[in-house]
Amino acid sequence: MLSLILFRHGKSDWDAPSYGDHERPLTERGREAAREMGRLLTATEQAPDLAVSSSAVRARDTLHLAAEAGAWRCPIWIEDVFYEHSTRDVLKWIQRLDSKAERLLLTGHEPIWTDLASRLIGQAALKIPTAAMVRIDCAIKHWSQLEFGRGELRWLLPPKLIQRSDEGRGD
């Protein structure tokens, strides 16, 4: 059984001076949400064995902040295929992955992440908000066996849910 975690980048700063979409940074809210999600994966013992991000600044920063906050010890890669490519391109990249990672985390963008998750679990109607994670379990032994319709949705967690539960603890 392999697990794929799709992590949508945190809230980006549309007002920041930048050199285009690829260079757009995160807002402070996006940065904090990324940290929350990183801590969550570690606290629930679901930190990835391998984490890969889109090359866009907001996605790279989301992944690095989450990994640092969660003290993940996995390799981190950056891949251009997760930025402005198709759902099928991302699936092909996963299928070519030569890794023994049982829990793979990919950080990327809409609308690809929602489309990929929906198609992996059989055309479900999902919406992945900013900085949310969705875990899909696949009854396969190698990433090369991954196909649309072969996954099972385990959870979809938006950072707002975690932040609300933290607020209610009274710590």
N, C-alpha and C. Protein backbone atom coordinates (compact mmCIF):
# COMPACT_ATOMS: atom_id res chain seq x y z
N MET A 1 0.86 -1.18 0.00
CA MET A 1 0.00 0.00 0.00
C MET A 1 0.90 1.24 0.00
N LEU A 2 0.69 2.11 -0.98
CA LEU A 2 1.41 3.37 -1.07
C LEU A 2 0.45 4.52 -0.82
N SER A 3 0.95 5.59 -0.23
CA SER A 3 0.13 6.77 0.07
C SER A 3 0.69 7.99 -0.65
N LEU A 4 -0.20 8.69 -1.31
CA LEU A 4 0.13 9.93 -1.99
C LEU A 4 -0.55 11.08 -1.25
N ILE A 5 0.23 12.05 -0.85
CA ILE A 5 -0.31 13.25 -0.20
C ILE A 5 -0.11 14.42 -1.15
N LEU A 6 -1.21 15.01 -1.57
CA LEU A 6 -1.15 16.20 -2.42
C LEU A 6 -1.33 17.41 -1.52
N PHE A 7 -0.40 18.34 -1.59
CA PHE A 7 -0.34 19.52 -0.74
C PHE A 7 -0.44 20.73 -1.65
N ARG A 8 -1.54 21.46 -1.53
CA ARG A 8 -1.68 22.69 -2.32
C ARG A 8 -0.89 23.80 -1.62
N HIS A 9 -0.18 24.58 -2.39
CA HIS A 9 0.61 25.67 -1.81
C HIS A 9 -0.27 26.59 -0.97
N GLY A 10 0.38 27.29 -0.03
CA GLY A 10 -0.33 28.24 0.83
C GLY A 10 -0.79 29.47 0.07
N LYS A 11 -1.56 30.29 0.76
CA LYS A 11 -2.12 31.52 0.18
C LYS A 11 -0.98 32.39 -0.35
N SER A 12 -1.10 32.79 -1.61
CA SER A 12 -0.05 33.59 -2.22
C SER A 12 -0.39 35.07 -2.19
N ASP A 13 0.65 35.88 -2.27
CA ASP A 13 0.52 37.33 -2.15
C ASP A 13 0.40 37.96 -3.54
N TRP A 14 -0.83 38.24 -3.94
CA TRP A 14 -1.07 38.82 -5.26
C TRP A 14 -0.62 40.28 -5.32
N ASP A 15 -0.42 40.92 -4.18
CA ASP A 15 -0.02 42.32 -4.16
C ASP A 15 1.49 42.51 -4.10
N ALA A 16 2.22 41.45 -3.89
CA ALA A 16 3.68 41.56 -3.78
C ALA A 16 4.29 41.89 -5.13
N PRO A 17 5.28 42.77 -5.13
CA PRO A 17 5.97 43.02 -6.39
C PRO A 17 6.72 41.73 -6.77
N SER A 18 6.51 41.27 -7.98
CA SER A 18 7.17 40.04 -8.40
C SER A 18 7.50 40.12 -9.88
N TYR A 19 8.10 39.08 -10.35
CA TYR A 19 8.49 39.02 -11.76
C TYR A 19 7.58 38.09 -12.54
N GLY A 20 6.38 37.88 -12.04
CA GLY A 20 5.43 37.01 -12.72
C GLY A 20 4.88 35.96 -11.79
N ASP A 21 3.98 35.16 -12.32
CA ASP A 21 3.29 34.15 -11.53
C ASP A 21 4.24 33.18 -10.85
N HIS A 22 5.26 32.74 -11.56
CA HIS A 22 6.20 31.75 -11.02
C HIS A 22 6.91 32.25 -9.77
N GLU A 23 7.12 33.54 -9.67
CA GLU A 23 7.88 34.13 -8.56
C GLU A 23 7.01 34.66 -7.42
N ARG A 24 5.69 34.51 -7.53
CA ARG A 24 4.80 35.07 -6.51
C ARG A 24 5.02 34.39 -5.16
N PRO A 25 5.23 35.18 -4.08
CA PRO A 25 5.50 34.62 -2.75
C PRO A 25 4.21 34.30 -1.97
N LEU A 26 4.40 33.73 -0.81
CA LEU A 26 3.30 33.45 0.11
C LEU A 26 2.98 34.67 0.96
N THR A 27 1.74 34.76 1.42
CA THR A 27 1.38 35.74 2.44
C THR A 27 1.82 35.18 3.79
N GLU A 28 1.78 35.99 4.82
CA GLU A 28 2.10 35.47 6.17
C GLU A 28 1.11 34.39 6.56
N ARG A 29 -0.15 34.57 6.21
CA ARG A 29 -1.16 33.53 6.49
C ARG A 29 -0.80 32.22 5.78
N GLY A 30 -0.32 32.32 4.55
CA GLY A 30 0.10 31.14 3.80
C GLY A 30 1.31 30.47 4.43
N ARG A 31 2.22 31.28 4.95
CA ARG A 31 3.42 30.74 5.60
C ARG A 31 3.04 29.99 6.89
N GLU A 32 2.16 30.57 7.68
CA GLU A 32 1.75 29.93 8.93
C GLU A 32 0.95 28.66 8.66
N ALA A 33 0.10 28.68 7.66
CA ALA A 33 -0.68 27.48 7.31
C ALA A 33 0.26 26.34 6.89
N ALA A 34 1.30 26.66 6.14
CA ALA A 34 2.27 25.64 5.73
C ALA A 34 2.94 25.02 6.96
N ARG A 35 3.31 25.86 7.91
CA ARG A 35 3.93 25.35 9.15
C ARG A 35 2.97 24.44 9.91
N GLU A 36 1.70 24.87 10.02
CA GLU A 36 0.68 24.07 10.71
C GLU A 36 0.56 22.68 10.09
N MET A 37 0.51 22.65 8.77
CA MET A 37 0.34 21.37 8.09
C MET A 37 1.56 20.48 8.27
N GLY A 38 2.73 21.06 8.28
CA GLY A 38 3.95 20.29 8.52
C GLY A 38 3.96 19.67 9.91
N ARG A 39 3.57 20.47 10.89
CA ARG A 39 3.50 19.95 12.28
C ARG A 39 2.44 18.86 12.39
N LEU A 40 1.32 19.04 11.68
CA LEU A 40 0.24 18.04 11.72
C LEU A 40 0.72 16.68 11.22
N LEU A 41 1.41 16.66 10.09
CA LEU A 41 1.86 15.37 9.56
C LEU A 41 2.81 14.68 10.52
N THR A 42 3.67 15.43 11.15
CA THR A 42 4.58 14.83 12.12
C THR A 42 3.83 14.35 13.35
N ALA A 43 2.92 15.15 13.86
CA ALA A 43 2.15 14.77 15.07
C ALA A 43 1.31 13.52 14.84
N THR A 44 0.87 13.31 13.61
CA THR A 44 0.04 12.14 13.29
C THR A 44 0.87 11.00 12.67
N GLU A 45 2.18 11.14 12.74
CA GLU A 45 3.12 10.13 12.24
C GLU A 45 2.88 9.81 10.77
N GLN A 46 2.65 10.87 9.98
CA GLN A 46 2.43 10.71 8.55
C GLN A 46 3.40 11.54 7.71
N ALA A 47 4.53 11.89 8.30
CA ALA A 47 5.53 12.65 7.54
C ALA A 47 5.95 11.84 6.31
N PRO A 48 6.23 12.52 5.21
CA PRO A 48 6.55 11.80 3.97
C PRO A 48 7.94 11.15 4.00
N ASP A 49 8.08 10.16 3.13
CA ASP A 49 9.39 9.54 2.89
C ASP A 49 10.14 10.31 1.81
N LEU A 50 9.38 10.99 0.97
CA LEU A 50 9.92 11.83 -0.09
C LEU A 50 8.93 12.97 -0.32
N ALA A 51 9.44 14.20 -0.45
CA ALA A 51 8.59 15.36 -0.69
C ALA A 51 9.11 16.08 -1.94
N VAL A 52 8.19 16.37 -2.85
CA VAL A 52 8.56 16.99 -4.12
C VAL A 52 7.66 18.19 -4.36
N SER A 53 8.25 19.28 -4.83
CA SER A 53 7.49 20.51 -5.04
C SER A 53 7.60 21.02 -6.45
N SER A 54 6.58 21.76 -6.83
CA SER A 54 6.63 22.58 -8.03
C SER A 54 7.79 23.56 -7.88
N SER A 55 8.29 24.03 -8.99
CA SER A 55 9.39 24.99 -8.96
C SER A 55 8.94 26.42 -8.63
N ALA A 56 7.64 26.69 -8.60
CA ALA A 56 7.15 28.03 -8.29
C ALA A 56 7.51 28.39 -6.84
N VAL A 57 7.86 29.65 -6.62
CA VAL A 57 8.31 30.11 -5.31
C VAL A 57 7.31 29.77 -4.21
N ARG A 58 6.03 30.04 -4.43
CA ARG A 58 5.03 29.82 -3.38
C ARG A 58 4.91 28.34 -3.01
N ALA A 59 5.08 27.45 -3.97
CA ALA A 59 5.03 26.01 -3.69
C ALA A 59 6.29 25.55 -2.97
N ARG A 60 7.44 25.98 -3.46
CA ARG A 60 8.72 25.62 -2.81
C ARG A 60 8.73 26.09 -1.37
N ASP A 61 8.31 27.34 -1.15
CA ASP A 61 8.31 27.87 0.22
C ASP A 61 7.32 27.13 1.11
N THR A 62 6.16 26.77 0.56
CA THR A 62 5.18 25.99 1.33
C THR A 62 5.80 24.69 1.80
N LEU A 63 6.44 23.98 0.89
CA LEU A 63 7.05 22.70 1.25
C LEU A 63 8.17 22.89 2.26
N HIS A 64 9.06 23.83 2.03
CA HIS A 64 10.19 24.02 2.94
C HIS A 64 9.73 24.43 4.34
N LEU A 65 8.74 25.30 4.43
CA LEU A 65 8.22 25.70 5.74
C LEU A 65 7.56 24.53 6.47
N ALA A 66 6.79 23.72 5.75
CA ALA A 66 6.15 22.56 6.35
C ALA A 66 7.18 21.55 6.84
N ALA A 67 8.18 21.29 6.01
CA ALA A 67 9.22 20.32 6.36
C ALA A 67 10.02 20.78 7.58
N GLU A 68 10.33 22.07 7.62
CA GLU A 68 11.08 22.62 8.75
C GLU A 68 10.24 22.56 10.03
N ALA A 69 9.00 22.99 9.96
CA ALA A 69 8.13 23.00 11.15
C ALA A 69 7.85 21.59 11.65
N GLY A 70 7.75 20.64 10.73
CA GLY A 70 7.48 19.26 11.10
C GLY A 70 8.73 18.44 11.36
N ALA A 71 9.90 19.05 11.15
CA ALA A 71 11.18 18.36 11.32
C ALA A 71 11.23 17.07 10.50
N TRP A 72 10.75 17.17 9.26
CA TRP A 72 10.79 16.01 8.37
C TRP A 72 12.24 15.71 8.00
N ARG A 73 12.54 14.46 7.88
CA ARG A 73 13.91 14.04 7.55
C ARG A 73 14.01 13.42 6.16
N CYS A 74 13.04 13.69 5.34
CA CYS A 74 13.00 13.09 4.00
C CYS A 74 13.73 13.96 2.98
N PRO A 75 14.10 13.36 1.86
CA PRO A 75 14.65 14.16 0.76
C PRO A 75 13.57 15.09 0.21
N ILE A 76 13.99 16.26 -0.26
CA ILE A 76 13.09 17.23 -0.89
C ILE A 76 13.62 17.53 -2.27
N TRP A 77 12.74 17.38 -3.26
CA TRP A 77 13.09 17.65 -4.65
C TRP A 77 12.21 18.76 -5.18
N ILE A 78 12.71 19.43 -6.21
CA ILE A 78 11.94 20.45 -6.93
C ILE A 78 11.79 19.97 -8.37
N GLU A 79 10.55 20.03 -8.89
CA GLU A 79 10.27 19.54 -10.24
C GLU A 79 9.44 20.56 -11.03
N ASP A 80 9.88 20.87 -12.22
CA ASP A 80 9.15 21.79 -13.09
C ASP A 80 7.82 21.23 -13.57
N VAL A 81 7.69 19.91 -13.64
CA VAL A 81 6.49 19.30 -14.19
C VAL A 81 5.23 19.62 -13.38
N PHE A 82 5.39 20.04 -12.13
CA PHE A 82 4.24 20.36 -11.30
C PHE A 82 3.75 21.79 -11.48
N TYR A 83 4.43 22.55 -12.33
CA TYR A 83 4.02 23.93 -12.59
C TYR A 83 3.59 24.05 -14.05
N GLU A 84 2.34 24.41 -14.27
CA GLU A 84 1.77 24.64 -15.60
C GLU A 84 1.91 23.44 -16.54
N HIS A 85 1.71 22.25 -16.01
CA HIS A 85 1.64 21.06 -16.84
C HIS A 85 0.27 20.42 -16.61
N SER A 86 0.01 19.35 -17.29
CA SER A 86 -1.30 18.71 -17.19
C SER A 86 -1.34 17.65 -16.09
N THR A 87 -2.55 17.26 -15.75
CA THR A 87 -2.76 16.18 -14.79
C THR A 87 -2.08 14.91 -15.29
N ARG A 88 -2.23 14.64 -16.57
CA ARG A 88 -1.61 13.43 -17.14
C ARG A 88 -0.08 13.51 -17.05
N ASP A 89 0.52 14.69 -17.24
CA ASP A 89 1.97 14.85 -17.09
C ASP A 89 2.41 14.51 -15.68
N VAL A 90 1.65 14.97 -14.69
CA VAL A 90 1.99 14.68 -13.29
C VAL A 90 1.86 13.18 -13.03
N LEU A 91 0.80 12.55 -13.51
CA LEU A 91 0.64 11.11 -13.34
C LEU A 91 1.81 10.36 -13.96
N LYS A 92 2.22 10.75 -15.16
CA LYS A 92 3.36 10.09 -15.81
C LYS A 92 4.64 10.27 -14.99
N TRP A 93 4.82 11.46 -14.41
CA TRP A 93 6.00 11.69 -13.57
C TRP A 93 5.98 10.73 -12.38
N ILE A 94 4.84 10.59 -11.73
CA ILE A 94 4.73 9.68 -10.59
C ILE A 94 5.02 8.25 -11.03
N GLN A 95 4.46 7.84 -12.16
CA GLN A 95 4.66 6.48 -12.65
C GLN A 95 6.13 6.18 -12.97
N ARG A 96 6.88 7.20 -13.33
CA ARG A 96 8.31 7.01 -13.64
C ARG A 96 9.20 7.12 -12.40
N LEU A 97 8.61 7.47 -11.28
CA LEU A 97 9.37 7.67 -10.05
C LEU A 97 10.04 6.37 -9.63
N ASP A 98 11.35 6.41 -9.55
CA ASP A 98 12.12 5.25 -9.11
C ASP A 98 12.50 5.48 -7.65
N SER A 99 11.55 5.21 -6.79
CA SER A 99 11.75 5.46 -5.36
C SER A 99 11.01 4.40 -4.57
N LYS A 100 11.56 4.09 -3.42
CA LYS A 100 10.91 3.14 -2.52
C LYS A 100 10.04 3.88 -1.50
N ALA A 101 9.82 5.17 -1.72
CA ALA A 101 9.00 5.96 -0.81
C ALA A 101 7.59 5.38 -0.74
N GLU A 102 7.16 5.04 0.46
CA GLU A 102 5.81 4.53 0.65
C GLU A 102 4.81 5.67 0.84
N ARG A 103 5.30 6.82 1.32
CA ARG A 103 4.45 7.99 1.53
C ARG A 103 5.09 9.15 0.77
N LEU A 104 4.48 9.48 -0.36
CA LEU A 104 4.99 10.51 -1.26
C LEU A 104 4.15 11.76 -1.11
N LEU A 105 4.79 12.90 -0.87
CA LEU A 105 4.08 14.17 -0.76
C LEU A 105 4.49 15.04 -1.94
N LEU A 106 3.48 15.56 -2.66
CA LEU A 106 3.71 16.46 -3.78
C LEU A 106 3.07 17.80 -3.48
N THR A 107 3.83 18.87 -3.66
CA THR A 107 3.31 20.22 -3.41
C THR A 107 3.14 20.93 -4.75
N GLY A 108 1.90 21.43 -4.98
CA GLY A 108 1.64 22.05 -6.27
C GLY A 108 0.44 22.96 -6.27
N HIS A 109 -0.27 22.98 -7.38
CA HIS A 109 -1.21 24.04 -7.71
C HIS A 109 -2.58 23.53 -8.16
N GLU A 110 -3.51 24.46 -8.12
CA GLU A 110 -4.83 24.26 -8.72
C GLU A 110 -4.75 24.73 -10.17
N PRO A 111 -5.52 24.18 -11.04
CA PRO A 111 -6.56 23.17 -10.81
C PRO A 111 -6.04 21.74 -10.89
N ILE A 112 -4.74 21.58 -11.11
CA ILE A 112 -4.17 20.24 -11.31
C ILE A 112 -4.37 19.34 -10.10
N TRP A 113 -4.15 19.85 -8.89
CA TRP A 113 -4.24 18.98 -7.71
C TRP A 113 -5.66 18.44 -7.51
N THR A 114 -6.66 19.30 -7.65
CA THR A 114 -8.04 18.83 -7.51
C THR A 114 -8.37 17.82 -8.60
N ASP A 115 -7.96 18.09 -9.82
CA ASP A 115 -8.24 17.17 -10.92
C ASP A 115 -7.53 15.84 -10.70
N LEU A 116 -6.28 15.87 -10.31
CA LEU A 116 -5.52 14.64 -10.07
C LEU A 116 -6.16 13.83 -8.96
N ALA A 117 -6.45 14.46 -7.83
CA ALA A 117 -7.07 13.75 -6.71
C ALA A 117 -8.40 13.15 -7.12
N SER A 118 -9.22 13.94 -7.78
CA SER A 118 -10.54 13.47 -8.20
C SER A 118 -10.45 12.27 -9.14
N ARG A 119 -9.53 12.33 -10.08
CA ARG A 119 -9.40 11.23 -11.05
C ARG A 119 -8.76 9.99 -10.42
N LEU A 120 -7.86 10.19 -9.48
CA LEU A 120 -7.25 9.03 -8.82
C LEU A 120 -8.27 8.24 -8.01
N ILE A 121 -9.24 8.93 -7.43
CA ILE A 121 -10.22 8.22 -6.60
C ILE A 121 -11.52 7.93 -7.36
N GLY A 122 -11.54 8.19 -8.65
CA GLY A 122 -12.68 7.79 -9.46
C GLY A 122 -13.67 8.89 -9.77
N GLN A 123 -13.18 10.07 -10.10
CA GLN A 123 -14.01 11.19 -10.53
C GLN A 123 -14.90 11.76 -9.43
N ALA A 124 -14.42 11.79 -8.24
CA ALA A 124 -15.15 12.43 -7.14
C ALA A 124 -15.14 13.95 -7.33
N ALA A 125 -16.06 14.62 -6.70
CA ALA A 125 -16.12 16.08 -6.76
C ALA A 125 -15.40 16.63 -5.52
N LEU A 126 -14.14 17.00 -5.70
CA LEU A 126 -13.33 17.55 -4.62
C LEU A 126 -12.99 19.00 -4.91
N LYS A 127 -12.62 19.72 -3.87
CA LYS A 127 -12.05 21.06 -4.02
C LYS A 127 -10.97 21.16 -2.95
N ILE A 128 -9.75 21.42 -3.37
CA ILE A 128 -8.63 21.49 -2.45
C ILE A 128 -8.29 22.96 -2.21
N PRO A 129 -8.59 23.48 -1.00
CA PRO A 129 -8.29 24.89 -0.72
C PRO A 129 -6.79 25.11 -0.52
N THR A 130 -6.38 26.37 -0.46
CA THR A 130 -4.97 26.67 -0.28
C THR A 130 -4.46 26.06 1.02
N ALA A 131 -3.25 25.52 0.94
CA ALA A 131 -2.51 24.90 2.05
C ALA A 131 -3.16 23.63 2.58
N ALA A 132 -4.16 23.11 1.88
CA ALA A 132 -4.80 21.86 2.31
C ALA A 132 -3.99 20.67 1.80
N MET A 133 -4.18 19.56 2.48
CA MET A 133 -3.57 18.30 2.08
C MET A 133 -4.66 17.27 1.88
N VAL A 134 -4.45 16.42 0.89
CA VAL A 134 -5.35 15.30 0.66
C VAL A 134 -4.48 14.04 0.57
N ARG A 135 -4.88 13.01 1.31
CA ARG A 135 -4.14 11.74 1.27
C ARG A 135 -4.97 10.71 0.52
N ILE A 136 -4.31 10.08 -0.44
CA ILE A 136 -4.93 9.04 -1.25
C ILE A 136 -4.09 7.78 -1.10
N ASP A 137 -4.71 6.71 -0.63
CA ASP A 137 -4.01 5.43 -0.50
C ASP A 137 -4.26 4.61 -1.75
N CYS A 138 -3.23 3.90 -2.17
CA CYS A 138 -3.29 3.13 -3.40
C CYS A 138 -2.82 1.70 -3.12
N ALA A 139 -3.62 0.73 -3.49
CA ALA A 139 -3.29 -0.68 -3.28
C ALA A 139 -2.35 -1.14 -4.39
N ILE A 140 -1.15 -0.56 -4.37
CA ILE A 140 -0.11 -0.88 -5.35
C ILE A 140 1.21 -1.05 -4.60
N LYS A 141 2.17 -1.69 -5.25
CA LYS A 141 3.48 -1.91 -4.64
C LYS A 141 4.55 -0.96 -5.18
N HIS A 142 4.31 -0.45 -6.40
CA HIS A 142 5.27 0.44 -7.05
C HIS A 142 4.51 1.60 -7.68
N TRP A 143 5.12 2.78 -7.67
CA TRP A 143 4.48 3.96 -8.22
C TRP A 143 4.16 3.78 -9.71
N SER A 144 4.89 2.92 -10.39
CA SER A 144 4.62 2.68 -11.81
C SER A 144 3.23 2.09 -12.04
N GLN A 145 2.62 1.52 -11.01
CA GLN A 145 1.30 0.90 -11.11
C GLN A 145 0.14 1.89 -10.88
N LEU A 146 0.47 3.11 -10.54
CA LEU A 146 -0.58 4.09 -10.25
C LEU A 146 -1.38 4.42 -11.51
N GLU A 147 -2.69 4.37 -11.39
CA GLU A 147 -3.59 4.69 -12.50
C GLU A 147 -4.79 5.46 -11.95
N PHE A 148 -5.45 6.20 -12.81
CA PHE A 148 -6.68 6.87 -12.42
C PHE A 148 -7.68 5.82 -11.95
N GLY A 149 -8.41 6.13 -10.89
CA GLY A 149 -9.43 5.24 -10.37
C GLY A 149 -8.92 4.18 -9.40
N ARG A 150 -7.61 4.16 -9.14
CA ARG A 150 -7.04 3.11 -8.27
C ARG A 150 -6.83 3.57 -6.84
N GLY A 151 -7.13 4.82 -6.53
CA GLY A 151 -6.87 5.34 -5.20
C GLY A 151 -8.11 5.39 -4.32
N GLU A 152 -7.86 5.48 -3.04
CA GLU A 152 -8.94 5.60 -2.05
C GLU A 152 -8.65 6.83 -1.19
N LEU A 153 -9.60 7.74 -1.14
CA LEU A 153 -9.45 8.95 -0.34
C LEU A 153 -9.43 8.57 1.14
N ARG A 154 -8.37 8.98 1.85
CA ARG A 154 -8.27 8.76 3.29
C ARG A 154 -8.70 10.00 4.06
N TRP A 155 -8.23 11.17 3.61
CA TRP A 155 -8.63 12.42 4.25
C TRP A 155 -8.28 13.61 3.37
N LEU A 156 -9.00 14.69 3.64
CA LEU A 156 -8.72 15.99 3.03
C LEU A 156 -8.80 16.99 4.18
N LEU A 157 -7.66 17.62 4.48
CA LEU A 157 -7.60 18.52 5.63
C LEU A 157 -7.18 19.92 5.23
N PRO A 158 -8.08 20.88 5.40
CA PRO A 158 -7.70 22.28 5.19
C PRO A 158 -7.07 22.84 6.47
N PRO A 159 -6.14 23.76 6.36
CA PRO A 159 -5.51 24.31 7.56
C PRO A 159 -6.48 25.03 8.49
N LYS A 160 -7.57 25.56 7.95
CA LYS A 160 -8.55 26.24 8.81
C LYS A 160 -9.12 25.28 9.84
N LEU A 161 -9.31 24.03 9.50
CA LEU A 161 -9.82 23.04 10.43
C LEU A 161 -8.84 22.83 11.59
N ILE A 162 -7.58 22.77 11.29
CA ILE A 162 -6.56 22.57 12.32
C ILE A 162 -6.43 23.80 13.19
N GLN A 163 -6.44 24.97 12.58
CA GLN A 163 -6.32 26.20 13.35
C GLN A 163 -7.51 26.36 14.28
N ARG A 164 -8.72 26.01 13.84
CA ARG A 164 -9.89 26.10 14.70
C ARG A 164 -9.80 25.14 15.88
N SER A 165 -9.32 23.93 15.64
CA SER A 165 -9.21 22.97 16.72
C SER A 165 -8.14 23.41 17.72
N ASP A 166 -7.08 24.04 17.26
CA ASP A 166 -6.04 24.58 18.16
C ASP A 166 -6.61 25.70 19.03
N GLU A 167 -7.44 26.54 18.44
CA GLU A 167 -8.03 27.67 19.19
C GLU A 167 -8.94 27.19 20.29
N GLY A 168 -9.60 26.06 20.10
CA GLY A 168 -10.54 25.55 21.07
C GLY A 168 -9.91 24.83 22.25
N ARG A 169 -8.59 24.61 22.23
CA ARG A 169 -7.95 23.87 23.30
C ARG A 169 -7.70 24.69 24.55
N GLY A 170 -7.63 25.99 24.42
CA GLY A 170 -7.40 26.85 25.58
C GLY A 170 -5.99 26.77 26.13
N ASP A 171 -5.01 26.42 25.31
CA ASP A 171 -3.61 26.36 25.75
C ASP A 171 -3.03 27.72 26.00
